Amino acid sequence: MIEKNVILKKYFGYENFREGQEEIISNILEKKNTLAIMPTGGGKSICYQIPAIIFEGLTIVISPLISLMKDQVDALNQNGIPSTFINSSLSNNECEMTYNSLMNNEYKIIYIAPER
């Protein structure tokens, strides 16, 4: 298994985790049910993004925040982590293209609006 600290540095450019992040990530990697409550800007995203990189398959993130989805996906893709989103900002054609890419295992993380 790839070391979480290596991923933190390689993909996100950080030397150290913020308070609480490493414990949360370790619990997820140990496949323990985990509830993490952190303030805005506290680094919640890394807590599920690092396990998504380590685990096989696709990670699905349910989020009602469309602007956050786009920002997260853009940053992940810039860092070499293939990601996408499905929400009301996409046309039916764009959704269909995304579904096809998902079927071809082209992504590690997908953000989906609750209504989808």
PDB file of N, CA and C in Angstrom:
ATOM      1  N   MET A   1       0.850  -1.184   0.000  1.00  0.00           N
ATOM      2  CA  MET A   1       0.000   0.000   0.000  1.00  0.00           C
ATOM      3  C   MET A   1       0.893   1.244   0.000  1.00  0.00           C
ATOM      4  N   ILE A   2       0.502   2.207  -0.798  1.00  0.00           N
ATOM      5  CA  ILE A   2       1.247   3.464  -0.861  1.00  0.00           C
ATOM      6  C   ILE A   2       1.073   4.212   0.463  1.00  0.00           C
ATOM      7  N   GLU A   3       2.132   4.771   0.952  1.00  0.00           N
ATOM      8  CA  GLU A   3       2.134   5.505   2.217  1.00  0.00           C
ATOM      9  C   GLU A   3       1.384   6.830   2.084  1.00  0.00           C
ATOM     10  N   LYS A   4       0.506   7.104   3.037  1.00  0.00           N
ATOM     11  CA  LYS A   4      -0.304   8.327   2.993  1.00  0.00           C
ATOM     12  C   LYS A   4       0.538   9.594   3.002  1.00  0.00           C
ATOM     13  N   ASN A   5       1.675   9.582   3.699  1.00  0.00           N
ATOM     14  CA  ASN A   5       2.537  10.763   3.734  1.00  0.00           C
ATOM     15  C   ASN A   5       3.177  11.034   2.372  1.00  0.00           C
ATOM     16  N   VAL A   6       3.488   9.962   1.638  1.00  0.00           N
ATOM     17  CA  VAL A   6       4.056  10.108   0.292  1.00  0.00           C
ATOM     18  C   VAL A   6       3.026  10.760  -0.634  1.00  0.00           C
ATOM     19  N   ILE A   7       1.787  10.322  -0.536  1.00  0.00           N
ATOM     20  CA  ILE A   7       0.712  10.896  -1.357  1.00  0.00           C
ATOM     21  C   ILE A   7       0.473  12.351  -0.991  1.00  0.00           C
ATOM     22  N   LEU A   8       0.489  12.654   0.299  1.00  0.00           N
ATOM     23  CA  LEU A   8       0.296  14.037   0.750  1.00  0.00           C
ATOM     24  C   LEU A   8       1.306  14.955   0.084  1.00  0.00           C
ATOM     25  N   LYS A   9       2.550  14.546   0.047  1.00  0.00           N
ATOM     26  CA  LYS A   9       3.620  15.361  -0.553  1.00  0.00           C
ATOM     27  C   LYS A   9       3.524  15.362  -2.079  1.00  0.00           C
ATOM     28  N   LYS A  10       3.375  14.170  -2.674  1.00  0.00           N
ATOM     29  CA  LYS A  10       3.398  14.044  -4.137  1.00  0.00           C
ATOM     30  C   LYS A  10       2.243  14.785  -4.817  1.00  0.00           C
ATOM     31  N   TYR A  11       1.036  14.592  -4.317  1.00  0.00           N
ATOM     32  CA  TYR A  11      -0.137  15.150  -4.999  1.00  0.00           C
ATOM     33  C   TYR A  11      -0.594  16.500  -4.461  1.00  0.00           C
ATOM     34  N   PHE A  12      -0.320  16.763  -3.191  1.00  0.00           N
ATOM     35  CA  PHE A  12      -0.852  17.978  -2.582  1.00  0.00           C
ATOM     36  C   PHE A  12       0.228  18.959  -2.154  1.00  0.00           C
ATOM     37  N   GLY A  13       1.494  18.525  -2.138  1.00  0.00           N
ATOM     38  CA  GLY A  13       2.615  19.412  -1.858  1.00  0.00           C
ATOM     39  C   GLY A  13       2.844  19.741  -0.397  1.00  0.00           C
ATOM     40  N   TYR A  14       2.177  19.034   0.510  1.00  0.00           N
ATOM     41  CA  TYR A  14       2.329  19.306   1.938  1.00  0.00           C
ATOM     42  C   TYR A  14       3.289  18.322   2.583  1.00  0.00           C
ATOM     43  N   GLU A  15       4.064  18.813   3.538  1.00  0.00           N
ATOM     44  CA  GLU A  15       4.997  17.968   4.289  1.00  0.00           C
ATOM     45  C   GLU A  15       4.299  17.258   5.445  1.00  0.00           C
ATOM     46  N   ASN A  16       3.311  17.934   6.049  1.00  0.00           N
ATOM     47  CA  ASN A  16       2.651  17.409   7.247  1.00  0.00           C
ATOM     48  C   ASN A  16       1.140  17.543   7.138  1.00  0.00           C
ATOM     49  N   PHE A  17       0.453  16.668   7.845  1.00  0.00           N
ATOM     50  CA  PHE A  17      -0.996  16.752   7.935  1.00  0.00           C
ATOM     51  C   PHE A  17      -1.389  17.839   8.922  1.00  0.00           C
ATOM     52  N   ARG A  18      -2.586  18.387   8.726  1.00  0.00           N
ATOM     53  CA  ARG A  18      -3.164  19.299   9.708  1.00  0.00           C
ATOM     54  C   ARG A  18      -3.713  18.466  10.870  1.00  0.00           C
ATOM     55  N   GLU A  19      -4.037  19.156  11.939  1.00  0.00           N
ATOM     56  CA  GLU A  19      -4.566  18.471  13.123  1.00  0.00           C
ATOM     57  C   GLU A  19      -5.789  17.620  12.761  1.00  0.00           C
ATOM     58  N   GLY A  20      -5.742  16.360  13.141  1.00  0.00           N
ATOM     59  CA  GLY A  20      -6.861  15.444  12.941  1.00  0.00           C
ATOM     60  C   GLY A  20      -6.862  14.690  11.627  1.00  0.00           C
ATOM     61  N   GLN A  21      -6.234  15.228  10.597  1.00  0.00           N
ATOM     62  CA  GLN A  21      -6.295  14.593   9.282  1.00  0.00           C
ATOM     63  C   GLN A  21      -5.697  13.189   9.265  1.00  0.00           C
ATOM     64  N   GLU A  22      -4.525  13.033   9.840  1.00  0.00           N
ATOM     65  CA  GLU A  22      -3.852  11.742   9.767  1.00  0.00           C
ATOM     66  C   GLU A  22      -4.661  10.643  10.476  1.00  0.00           C
ATOM     67  N   GLU A  23      -5.248  10.975  11.605  1.00  0.00           N
ATOM     68  CA  GLU A  23      -6.069  10.008  12.336  1.00  0.00           C
ATOM     69  C   GLU A  23      -7.300   9.607  11.516  1.00  0.00           C
ATOM     70  N   ILE A  24      -7.939  10.584  10.911  1.00  0.00           N
ATOM     71  CA  ILE A  24      -9.121  10.317  10.082  1.00  0.00           C
ATOM     72  C   ILE A  24      -8.735   9.414   8.921  1.00  0.00           C
ATOM     73  N   ILE A  25      -7.668   9.753   8.223  1.00  0.00           N
ATOM     74  CA  ILE A  25      -7.225   8.969   7.070  1.00  0.00           C
ATOM     75  C   ILE A  25      -6.861   7.553   7.498  1.00  0.00           C
ATOM     76  N   SER A  26      -6.155   7.413   8.601  1.00  0.00           N
ATOM     77  CA  SER A  26      -5.784   6.078   9.094  1.00  0.00           C
ATOM     78  C   SER A  26      -7.017   5.241   9.392  1.00  0.00           C
ATOM     79  N   ASN A  27      -8.026   5.847  10.016  1.00  0.00           N
ATOM     80  CA  ASN A  27      -9.271   5.118  10.290  1.00  0.00           C
ATOM     81  C   ASN A  27      -9.943   4.654   8.997  1.00  0.00           C
ATOM     82  N   ILE A  28      -9.972   5.519   8.006  1.00  0.00           N
ATOM     83  CA  ILE A  28     -10.577   5.155   6.719  1.00  0.00           C
ATOM     84  C   ILE A  28      -9.786   4.028   6.074  1.00  0.00           C
ATOM     85  N   LEU A  29      -8.465   4.129   6.093  1.00  0.00           N
ATOM     86  CA  LEU A  29      -7.628   3.095   5.487  1.00  0.00           C
ATOM     87  C   LEU A  29      -7.770   1.752   6.205  1.00  0.00           C
ATOM     88  N   GLU A  30      -8.102   1.797   7.494  1.00  0.00           N
ATOM     89  CA  GLU A  30      -8.362   0.581   8.260  1.00  0.00           C
ATOM     90  C   GLU A  30      -9.809   0.111   8.088  1.00  0.00           C
ATOM     91  N   LYS A  31     -10.544   0.807   7.217  1.00  0.00           N
ATOM     92  CA  LYS A  31     -11.937   0.493   6.880  1.00  0.00           C
ATOM     93  C   LYS A  31     -12.862   0.569   8.087  1.00  0.00           C
ATOM     94  N   LYS A  32     -12.564   1.521   8.970  1.00  0.00           N
ATOM     95  CA  LYS A  32     -13.418   1.791  10.121  1.00  0.00           C
ATOM     96  C   LYS A  32     -14.451   2.845   9.724  1.00  0.00           C
ATOM     97  N   ASN A  33     -15.679   2.698  10.211  1.00  0.00           N
ATOM     98  CA  ASN A  33     -16.659   3.758  10.020  1.00  0.00           C
ATOM     99  C   ASN A  33     -16.110   5.015  10.673  1.00  0.00           C
ATOM    100  N   THR A  34     -16.144   6.119   9.941  1.00  0.00           N
ATOM    101  CA  THR A  34     -15.500   7.341  10.417  1.00  0.00           C
ATOM    102  C   THR A  34     -16.403   8.547  10.195  1.00  0.00           C
ATOM    103  N   LEU A  35     -16.593   9.329  11.213  1.00  0.00           N
ATOM    104  CA  LEU A  35     -17.295  10.603  11.119  1.00  0.00           C
ATOM    105  C   LEU A  35     -16.285  11.683  11.466  1.00  0.00           C
ATOM    106  N   ALA A  36     -16.071  12.601  10.541  1.00  0.00           N
ATOM    107  CA  ALA A  36     -15.111  13.683  10.757  1.00  0.00           C
ATOM    108  C   ALA A  36     -15.837  15.013  10.640  1.00  0.00           C
ATOM    109  N   ILE A  37     -15.809  15.782  11.701  1.00  0.00           N
ATOM    110  CA  ILE A  37     -16.418  17.107  11.700  1.00  0.00           C
ATOM    111  C   ILE A  37     -15.284  18.111  11.858  1.00  0.00           C
ATOM    112  N   MET A  38     -15.107  18.925  10.821  1.00  0.00           N
ATOM    113  CA  MET A  38     -14.006  19.892  10.808  1.00  0.00           C
ATOM    114  C   MET A  38     -14.541  21.233  10.325  1.00  0.00           C
ATOM    115  N   PRO A  39     -13.901  22.315  10.715  1.00  0.00           N
ATOM    116  CA  PRO A  39     -14.364  23.639  10.275  1.00  0.00           C
ATOM    117  C   PRO A  39     -14.096  23.859   8.784  1.00  0.00           C
ATOM    118  N   THR A  40     -14.779  24.836   8.232  1.00  0.00           N
ATOM    119  CA  THR A  40     -14.508  25.239   6.860  1.00  0.00           C
ATOM    120  C   THR A  40     -13.032  25.580   6.729  1.00  0.00           C
ATOM    121  N   GLY A  41     -12.396  25.035   5.700  1.00  0.00           N
ATOM    122  CA  GLY A  41     -10.978  25.277   5.487  1.00  0.00           C
ATOM    123  C   GLY A  41     -10.076  24.405   6.341  1.00  0.00           C
ATOM    124  N   GLY A  42     -10.665  23.434   7.040  1.00  0.00           N
ATOM    125  CA  GLY A  42      -9.897  22.576   7.938  1.00  0.00           C
ATOM    126  C   GLY A  42      -9.186  21.419   7.264  1.00  0.00           C
ATOM    127  N   GLY A  43      -9.452  21.223   5.978  1.00  0.00           N
ATOM    128  CA  GLY A  43      -8.764  20.162   5.245  1.00  0.00           C
ATOM    129  C   GLY A  43      -9.518  18.850   5.172  1.00  0.00           C
ATOM    130  N   LYS A  44     -10.842  18.922   5.142  1.00  0.00           N
ATOM    131  CA  LYS A  44     -11.658  17.708   5.064  1.00  0.00           C
ATOM    132  C   LYS A  44     -11.416  16.932   3.776  1.00  0.00           C
ATOM    133  N   SER A  45     -11.275  17.637   2.675  1.00  0.00           N
ATOM    134  CA  SER A  45     -11.183  16.976   1.372  1.00  0.00           C
ATOM    135  C   SER A  45     -10.030  15.986   1.297  1.00  0.00           C
ATOM    136  N   ILE A  46      -8.892  16.360   1.816  1.00  0.00           N
ATOM    137  CA  ILE A  46      -7.727  15.464   1.804  1.00  0.00           C
ATOM    138  C   ILE A  46      -8.035  14.176   2.563  1.00  0.00           C
ATOM    139  N   CYS A  47      -8.922  14.256   3.550  1.00  0.00           N
ATOM    140  CA  CYS A  47      -9.250  13.083   4.363  1.00  0.00           C
ATOM    141  C   CYS A  47      -9.941  11.986   3.556  1.00  0.00           C
ATOM    142  N   TYR A  48     -10.635  12.337   2.487  1.00  0.00           N
ATOM    143  CA  TYR A  48     -11.197  11.286   1.631  1.00  0.00           C
ATOM    144  C   TYR A  48     -10.441  11.161   0.307  1.00  0.00           C
ATOM    145  N   GLN A  49      -9.724  12.202  -0.108  1.00  0.00           N
ATOM    146  CA  GLN A  49      -8.986  12.120  -1.366  1.00  0.00           C
ATOM    147  C   GLN A  49      -7.787  11.195  -1.270  1.00  0.00           C
ATOM    148  N   ILE A  50      -7.063  11.232  -0.166  1.00  0.00           N
ATOM    149  CA  ILE A  50      -5.900  10.344  -0.027  1.00  0.00           C
ATOM    150  C   ILE A  50      -6.334   8.881  -0.009  1.00  0.00           C
ATOM    151  N   PRO A  51      -7.340   8.495   0.786  1.00  0.00           N
ATOM    152  CA  PRO A  51      -7.792   7.098   0.689  1.00  0.00           C
ATOM    153  C   PRO A  51      -8.291   6.729  -0.723  1.00  0.00           C
ATOM    154  N   ALA A  52      -8.915   7.678  -1.410  1.00  0.00           N
ATOM    155  CA  ALA A  52      -9.383   7.402  -2.772  1.00  0.00           C
ATOM    156  C   ALA A  52      -8.221   7.033  -3.688  1.00  0.00           C
ATOM    157  N   ILE A  53      -7.106   7.693  -3.507  1.00  0.00           N
ATOM    158  CA  ILE A  53      -5.917   7.398  -4.322  1.00  0.00           C
ATOM    159  C   ILE A  53      -5.357   6.024  -3.953  1.00  0.00           C
ATOM    160  N   ILE A  54      -5.365   5.704  -2.676  1.00  0.00           N
ATOM    161  CA  ILE A  54      -4.788   4.436  -2.210  1.00  0.00           C
ATOM    162  C   ILE A  54      -5.670   3.240  -2.566  1.00  0.00           C
ATOM    163  N   PHE A  55      -6.976   3.358  -2.311  1.00  0.00           N
ATOM    164  CA  PHE A  55      -7.884   2.242  -2.572  1.00  0.00           C
ATOM    165  C   PHE A  55      -8.073   2.026  -4.067  1.00  0.00           C
ATOM    166  N   GLU A  56      -8.353   0.783  -4.442  1.00  0.00           N
ATOM    167  CA  GLU A  56      -8.693   0.478  -5.827  1.00  0.00           C
ATOM    168  C   GLU A  56     -10.104   0.981  -6.112  1.00  0.00           C
ATOM    169  N   GLY A  57     -10.376   1.249  -7.367  1.00  0.00           N
ATOM    170  CA  GLY A  57     -11.722   1.609  -7.778  1.00  0.00           C
ATOM    171  C   GLY A  57     -12.025   3.086  -7.664  1.00  0.00           C
ATOM    172  N   LEU A  58     -13.301   3.371  -7.771  1.00  0.00           N
ATOM    173  CA  LEU A  58     -13.826   4.729  -7.829  1.00  0.00           C
ATOM    174  C   LEU A  58     -14.336   5.169  -6.463  1.00  0.00           C
ATOM    175  N   THR A  59     -14.057   6.406  -6.089  1.00  0.00           N
ATOM    176  CA  THR A  59     -14.622   7.004  -4.886  1.00  0.00           C
ATOM    177  C   THR A  59     -15.712   7.974  -5.310  1.00  0.00           C
ATOM    178  N   ILE A  60     -16.886   7.843  -4.695  1.00  0.00           N
ATOM    179  CA  ILE A  60     -18.026   8.711  -4.984  1.00  0.00           C
ATOM    180  C   ILE A  60     -18.196   9.684  -3.830  1.00  0.00           C
ATOM    181  N   VAL A  61     -18.216  10.972  -4.161  1.00  0.00           N
ATOM    182  CA  VAL A  61     -18.406  12.020  -3.162  1.00  0.00           C
ATOM    183  C   VAL A  61     -19.738  12.699  -3.464  1.00  0.00           C
ATOM    184  N   ILE A  62     -20.645  12.656  -2.498  1.00  0.00           N
ATOM    185  CA  ILE A  62     -21.945  13.313  -2.650  1.00  0.00           C
ATOM    186  C   ILE A  62     -21.812  14.722  -2.068  1.00  0.00           C
ATOM    187  N   SER A  63     -22.097  15.723  -2.887  1.00  0.00           N
ATOM    188  CA  SER A  63     -21.961  17.105  -2.437  1.00  0.00           C
ATOM    189  C   SER A  63     -23.035  17.988  -3.067  1.00  0.00           C
ATOM    190  N   PRO A  64     -23.702  18.814  -2.272  1.00  0.00           N
ATOM    191  CA  PRO A  64     -24.692  19.735  -2.829  1.00  0.00           C
ATOM    192  C   PRO A  64     -24.073  21.031  -3.358  1.00  0.00           C
ATOM    193  N   LEU A  65     -22.767  21.182  -3.202  1.00  0.00           N
ATOM    194  CA  LEU A  65     -22.114  22.448  -3.543  1.00  0.00           C
ATOM    195  C   LEU A  65     -21.476  22.369  -4.926  1.00  0.00           C
ATOM    196  N   ILE A  66     -22.186  22.841  -5.933  1.00  0.00           N
ATOM    197  CA  ILE A  66     -21.734  22.734  -7.314  1.00  0.00           C
ATOM    198  C   ILE A  66     -20.419  23.470  -7.541  1.00  0.00           C
ATOM    199  N   SER A  67     -20.266  24.655  -6.989  1.00  0.00           N
ATOM    200  CA  SER A  67     -19.022  25.404  -7.202  1.00  0.00           C
ATOM    201  C   SER A  67     -17.844  24.696  -6.546  1.00  0.00           C
ATOM    202  N   LEU A  68     -18.067  24.067  -5.388  1.00  0.00           N
ATOM    203  CA  LEU A  68     -17.016  23.309  -4.724  1.00  0.00           C
ATOM    204  C   LEU A  68     -16.591  22.121  -5.593  1.00  0.00           C
ATOM    205  N   MET A  69     -17.563  21.451  -6.196  1.00  0.00           N
ATOM    206  CA  MET A  69     -17.263  20.306  -7.060  1.00  0.00           C
ATOM    207  C   MET A  69     -16.291  20.694  -8.159  1.00  0.00           C
ATOM    208  N   LYS A  70     -16.618  21.756  -8.852  1.00  0.00           N
ATOM    209  CA  LYS A  70     -15.771  22.178  -9.971  1.00  0.00           C
ATOM    210  C   LYS A  70     -14.368  22.531  -9.489  1.00  0.00           C
ATOM    211  N   ASP A  71     -14.282  23.278  -8.388  1.00  0.00           N
ATOM    212  CA  ASP A  71     -12.971  23.643  -7.841  1.00  0.00           C
ATOM    213  C   ASP A  71     -12.170  22.408  -7.437  1.00  0.00           C
ATOM    214  N   GLN A  72     -12.825  21.469  -6.756  1.00  0.00           N
ATOM    215  CA  GLN A  72     -12.145  20.254  -6.314  1.00  0.00           C
ATOM    216  C   GLN A  72     -11.667  19.426  -7.515  1.00  0.00           C
ATOM    217  N   VAL A  73     -12.537  19.247  -8.496  1.00  0.00           N
ATOM    218  CA  VAL A  73     -12.192  18.453  -9.678  1.00  0.00           C
ATOM    219  C   VAL A  73     -11.061  19.112 -10.463  1.00  0.00           C
ATOM    220  N   ASP A  74     -11.124  20.412 -10.632  1.00  0.00           N
ATOM    221  CA  ASP A  74     -10.047  21.115 -11.340  1.00  0.00           C
ATOM    222  C   ASP A  74      -8.713  20.922 -10.628  1.00  0.00           C
ATOM    223  N   ALA A  75      -8.705  21.075  -9.298  1.00  0.00           N
ATOM    224  CA  ALA A  75      -7.465  20.925  -8.526  1.00  0.00           C
ATOM    225  C   ALA A  75      -6.956  19.489  -8.585  1.00  0.00           C
ATOM    226  N   LEU A  76      -7.851  18.519  -8.457  1.00  0.00           N
ATOM    227  CA  LEU A  76      -7.437  17.115  -8.516  1.00  0.00           C
ATOM    228  C   LEU A  76      -6.843  16.773  -9.874  1.00  0.00           C
ATOM    229  N   ASN A  77      -7.505  17.197 -10.927  1.00  0.00           N
ATOM    230  CA  ASN A  77      -6.995  16.915 -12.274  1.00  0.00           C
ATOM    231  C   ASN A  77      -5.639  17.583 -12.506  1.00  0.00           C
ATOM    232  N   GLN A  78      -5.470  18.800 -12.015  1.00  0.00           N
ATOM    233  CA  GLN A  78      -4.172  19.481 -12.128  1.00  0.00           C
ATOM    234  C   GLN A  78      -3.077  18.717 -11.396  1.00  0.00           C
ATOM    235  N   ASN A  79      -3.452  18.014 -10.326  1.00  0.00           N
ATOM    236  CA  ASN A  79      -2.493  17.250  -9.536  1.00  0.00           C
ATOM    237  C   ASN A  79      -2.332  15.811 -10.036  1.00  0.00           C
ATOM    238  N   GLY A  80      -2.944  15.496 -11.168  1.00  0.00           N
ATOM    239  CA  GLY A  80      -2.770  14.172 -11.751  1.00  0.00           C
ATOM    240  C   GLY A  80      -3.697  13.102 -11.205  1.00  0.00           C
ATOM    241  N   ILE A  81      -4.793  13.512 -10.582  1.00  0.00           N
ATOM    242  CA  ILE A  81      -5.774  12.567 -10.049  1.00  0.00           C
ATOM    243  C   ILE A  81      -7.032  12.692 -10.905  1.00  0.00           C
ATOM    244  N   PRO A  82      -7.283  11.726 -11.786  1.00  0.00           N
ATOM    245  CA  PRO A  82      -8.413  11.834 -12.709  1.00  0.00           C
ATOM    246  C   PRO A  82      -9.758  11.881 -11.972  1.00  0.00           C
ATOM    247  N   SER A  83     -10.456  12.996 -12.133  1.00  0.00           N
ATOM    248  CA  SER A  83     -11.690  13.247 -11.391  1.00  0.00           C
ATOM    249  C   SER A  83     -12.702  13.942 -12.283  1.00  0.00           C
ATOM    250  N   THR A  84     -13.962  13.855 -11.887  1.00  0.00           N
ATOM    251  CA  THR A  84     -15.034  14.504 -12.635  1.00  0.00           C
ATOM    252  C   THR A  84     -16.209  14.772 -11.704  1.00  0.00           C
ATOM    253  N   PHE A  85     -17.263  15.356 -12.254  1.00  0.00           N
ATOM    254  CA  PHE A  85     -18.476  15.604 -11.478  1.00  0.00           C
ATOM    255  C   PHE A  85     -19.695  15.450 -12.368  1.00  0.00           C
ATOM    256  N   ILE A  86     -20.829  15.207 -11.711  1.00  0.00           N
ATOM    257  CA  ILE A  86     -22.129  15.184 -12.384  1.00  0.00           C
ATOM    258  C   ILE A  86     -23.072  16.012 -11.527  1.00  0.00           C
ATOM    259  N   ASN A  87     -23.597  17.070 -12.141  1.00  0.00           N
ATOM    260  CA  ASN A  87     -24.576  17.916 -11.452  1.00  0.00           C
ATOM    261  C   ASN A  87     -25.413  18.652 -12.500  1.00  0.00           C
ATOM    262  N   SER A  88     -26.250  19.540 -12.048  1.00  0.00           N
ATOM    263  CA  SER A  88     -27.188  20.223 -12.944  1.00  0.00           C
ATOM    264  C   SER A  88     -26.518  21.201 -13.909  1.00  0.00           C
ATOM    265  N   SER A  89     -25.236  21.470 -13.734  1.00  0.00           N
ATOM    266  CA  SER A  89     -24.553  22.377 -14.659  1.00  0.00           C
ATOM    267  C   SER A  89     -24.192  21.688 -15.978  1.00  0.00           C
ATOM    268  N   LEU A  90     -24.315  20.368 -16.033  1.00  0.00           N
ATOM    269  CA  LEU A  90     -23.964  19.612 -17.245  1.00  0.00           C
ATOM    270  C   LEU A  90     -25.190  19.367 -18.110  1.00  0.00           C
ATOM    271  N   SER A  91     -24.973  19.369 -19.397  1.00  0.00           N
ATOM    272  CA  SER A  91     -26.040  19.004 -20.330  1.00  0.00           C
ATOM    273  C   SER A  91     -26.213  17.482 -20.312  1.00  0.00           C
ATOM    274  N   ASN A  92     -27.302  17.006 -20.890  1.00  0.00           N
ATOM    275  CA  ASN A  92     -27.511  15.557 -20.989  1.00  0.00           C
ATOM    276  C   ASN A  92     -26.374  14.895 -21.750  1.00  0.00           C
ATOM    277  N   ASN A  93     -25.904  15.564 -22.781  1.00  0.00           N
ATOM    278  CA  ASN A  93     -24.796  15.038 -23.588  1.00  0.00           C
ATOM    279  C   ASN A  93     -23.517  14.921 -22.748  1.00  0.00           C
ATOM    280  N   GLU A  94     -23.230  15.951 -21.960  1.00  0.00           N
ATOM    281  CA  GLU A  94     -22.046  15.925 -21.099  1.00  0.00           C
ATOM    282  C   GLU A  94     -22.157  14.817 -20.040  1.00  0.00           C
ATOM    283  N   CYS A  95     -23.348  14.644 -19.497  1.00  0.00           N
ATOM    284  CA  CYS A  95     -23.562  13.562 -18.520  1.00  0.00           C
ATOM    285  C   CYS A  95     -23.321  12.211 -19.175  1.00  0.00           C
ATOM    286  N   GLU A  96     -23.844  12.028 -20.356  1.00  0.00           N
ATOM    287  CA  GLU A  96     -23.663  10.762 -21.073  1.00  0.00           C
ATOM    288  C   GLU A  96     -22.178  10.483 -21.330  1.00  0.00           C
ATOM    289  N   MET A  97     -21.430  11.499 -21.730  1.00  0.00           N
ATOM    290  CA  MET A  97     -19.986  11.332 -21.948  1.00  0.00           C
ATOM    291  C   MET A  97     -19.293  10.955 -20.638  1.00  0.00           C
ATOM    292  N   THR A  98     -19.696  11.576 -19.541  1.00  0.00           N
ATOM    293  CA  THR A  98     -19.113  11.266 -18.235  1.00  0.00           C
ATOM    294  C   THR A  98     -19.439   9.829 -17.836  1.00  0.00           C
ATOM    295  N   TYR A  99     -20.690   9.400 -18.033  1.00  0.00           N
ATOM    296  CA  TYR A  99     -21.068   8.015 -17.725  1.00  0.00           C
ATOM    297  C   TYR A  99     -20.223   7.032 -18.522  1.00  0.00           C
ATOM    298  N   ASN A 100     -20.015   7.322 -19.797  1.00  0.00           N
ATOM    299  CA  ASN A 100     -19.196   6.435 -20.634  1.00  0.00           C
ATOM    300  C   ASN A 100     -17.760   6.359 -20.114  1.00  0.00           C
ATOM    301  N   SER A 101     -17.220   7.497 -19.717  1.00  0.00           N
ATOM    302  CA  SER A 101     -15.864   7.513 -19.163  1.00  0.00           C
ATOM    303  C   SER A 101     -15.792   6.739 -17.851  1.00  0.00           C
ATOM    304  N   LEU A 102     -16.848   6.843 -17.053  1.00  0.00           N
ATOM    305  CA  LEU A 102     -16.897   6.081 -15.799  1.00  0.00           C
ATOM    306  C   LEU A 102     -16.882   4.580 -16.081  1.00  0.00           C
ATOM    307  N   MET A 103     -17.626   4.170 -17.080  1.00  0.00           N
ATOM    308  CA  MET A 103     -17.679   2.749 -17.442  1.00  0.00           C
ATOM    309  C   MET A 103     -16.330   2.238 -17.931  1.00  0.00           C
ATOM    310  N   ASN A 104     -15.501   3.153 -18.417  1.00  0.00           N
ATOM    311  CA  ASN A 104     -14.158   2.788 -18.888  1.00  0.00           C
ATOM    312  C   ASN A 104     -13.088   2.999 -17.817  1.00  0.00           C
ATOM    313  N   ASN A 105     -13.534   3.192 -16.560  1.00  0.00           N
ATOM    314  CA  ASN A 105     -12.614   3.333 -15.420  1.00  0.00           C
ATOM    315  C   ASN A 105     -11.595   4.458 -15.604  1.00  0.00           C
ATOM    316  N   GLU A 106     -12.045   5.594 -16.121  1.00  0.00           N
ATOM    317  CA  GLU A 106     -11.140   6.709 -16.387  1.00  0.00           C
ATOM    318  C   GLU A 106     -10.958   7.646 -15.193  1.00  0.00           C
ATOM    319  N   TYR A 107     -11.714   7.440 -14.114  1.00  0.00           N
ATOM    320  CA  TYR A 107     -11.660   8.358 -12.983  1.00  0.00           C
ATOM    321  C   TYR A 107     -11.388   7.625 -11.672  1.00  0.00           C
ATOM    322  N   LYS A 108     -10.770   8.334 -10.718  1.00  0.00           N
ATOM    323  CA  LYS A 108     -10.584   7.837  -9.356  1.00  0.00           C
ATOM    324  C   LYS A 108     -11.641   8.421  -8.415  1.00  0.00           C
ATOM    325  N   ILE A 109     -12.066   9.663  -8.713  1.00  0.00           N
ATOM    326  CA  ILE A 109     -13.026  10.344  -7.840  1.00  0.00           C
ATOM    327  C   ILE A 109     -14.101  10.996  -8.710  1.00  0.00           C
ATOM    328  N   ILE A 110     -15.361  10.840  -8.292  1.00  0.00           N
ATOM    329  CA  ILE A 110     -16.459  11.546  -8.939  1.00  0.00           C
ATOM    330  C   ILE A 110     -17.294  12.230  -7.865  1.00  0.00           C
ATOM    331  N   TYR A 111     -17.586  13.488  -8.097  1.00  0.00           N
ATOM    332  CA  TYR A 111     -18.470  14.262  -7.239  1.00  0.00           C
ATOM    333  C   TYR A 111     -19.844  14.254  -7.886  1.00  0.00           C
ATOM    334  N   ILE A 112     -20.868  13.955  -7.074  1.00  0.00           N
ATOM    335  CA  ILE A 112     -22.225  13.881  -7.607  1.00  0.00           C
ATOM    336  C   ILE A 112     -23.155  14.685  -6.712  1.00  0.00           C
ATOM    337  N   ALA A 113     -24.031  15.464  -7.338  1.00  0.00           N
ATOM    338  CA  ALA A 113     -25.043  16.199  -6.588  1.00  0.00           C
ATOM    339  C   ALA A 113     -26.067  15.204  -6.042  1.00  0.00           C
ATOM    340  N   PRO A 114     -26.624  15.468  -4.872  1.00  0.00           N
ATOM    341  CA  PRO A 114     -27.566  14.521  -4.258  1.00  0.00           C
ATOM    342  C   PRO A 114     -28.734  14.142  -5.157  1.00  0.00           C
ATOM    343  N   GLU A 115     -29.222  15.080  -5.947  1.00  0.00           N
ATOM    344  CA  GLU A 115     -30.381  14.771  -6.792  1.00  0.00           C
ATOM    345  C   GLU A 115     -30.051  13.837  -7.963  1.00  0.00           C
ATOM    346  N   ARG A 116     -28.763  13.627  -8.225  1.00  0.00           N
ATOM    347  CA  ARG A 116     -28.350  12.734  -9.306  1.00  0.00           C
ATOM    348  C   ARG A 116     -28.208  11.323  -8.802  1.00  0.00           C
TER     349      ARG A 116
END
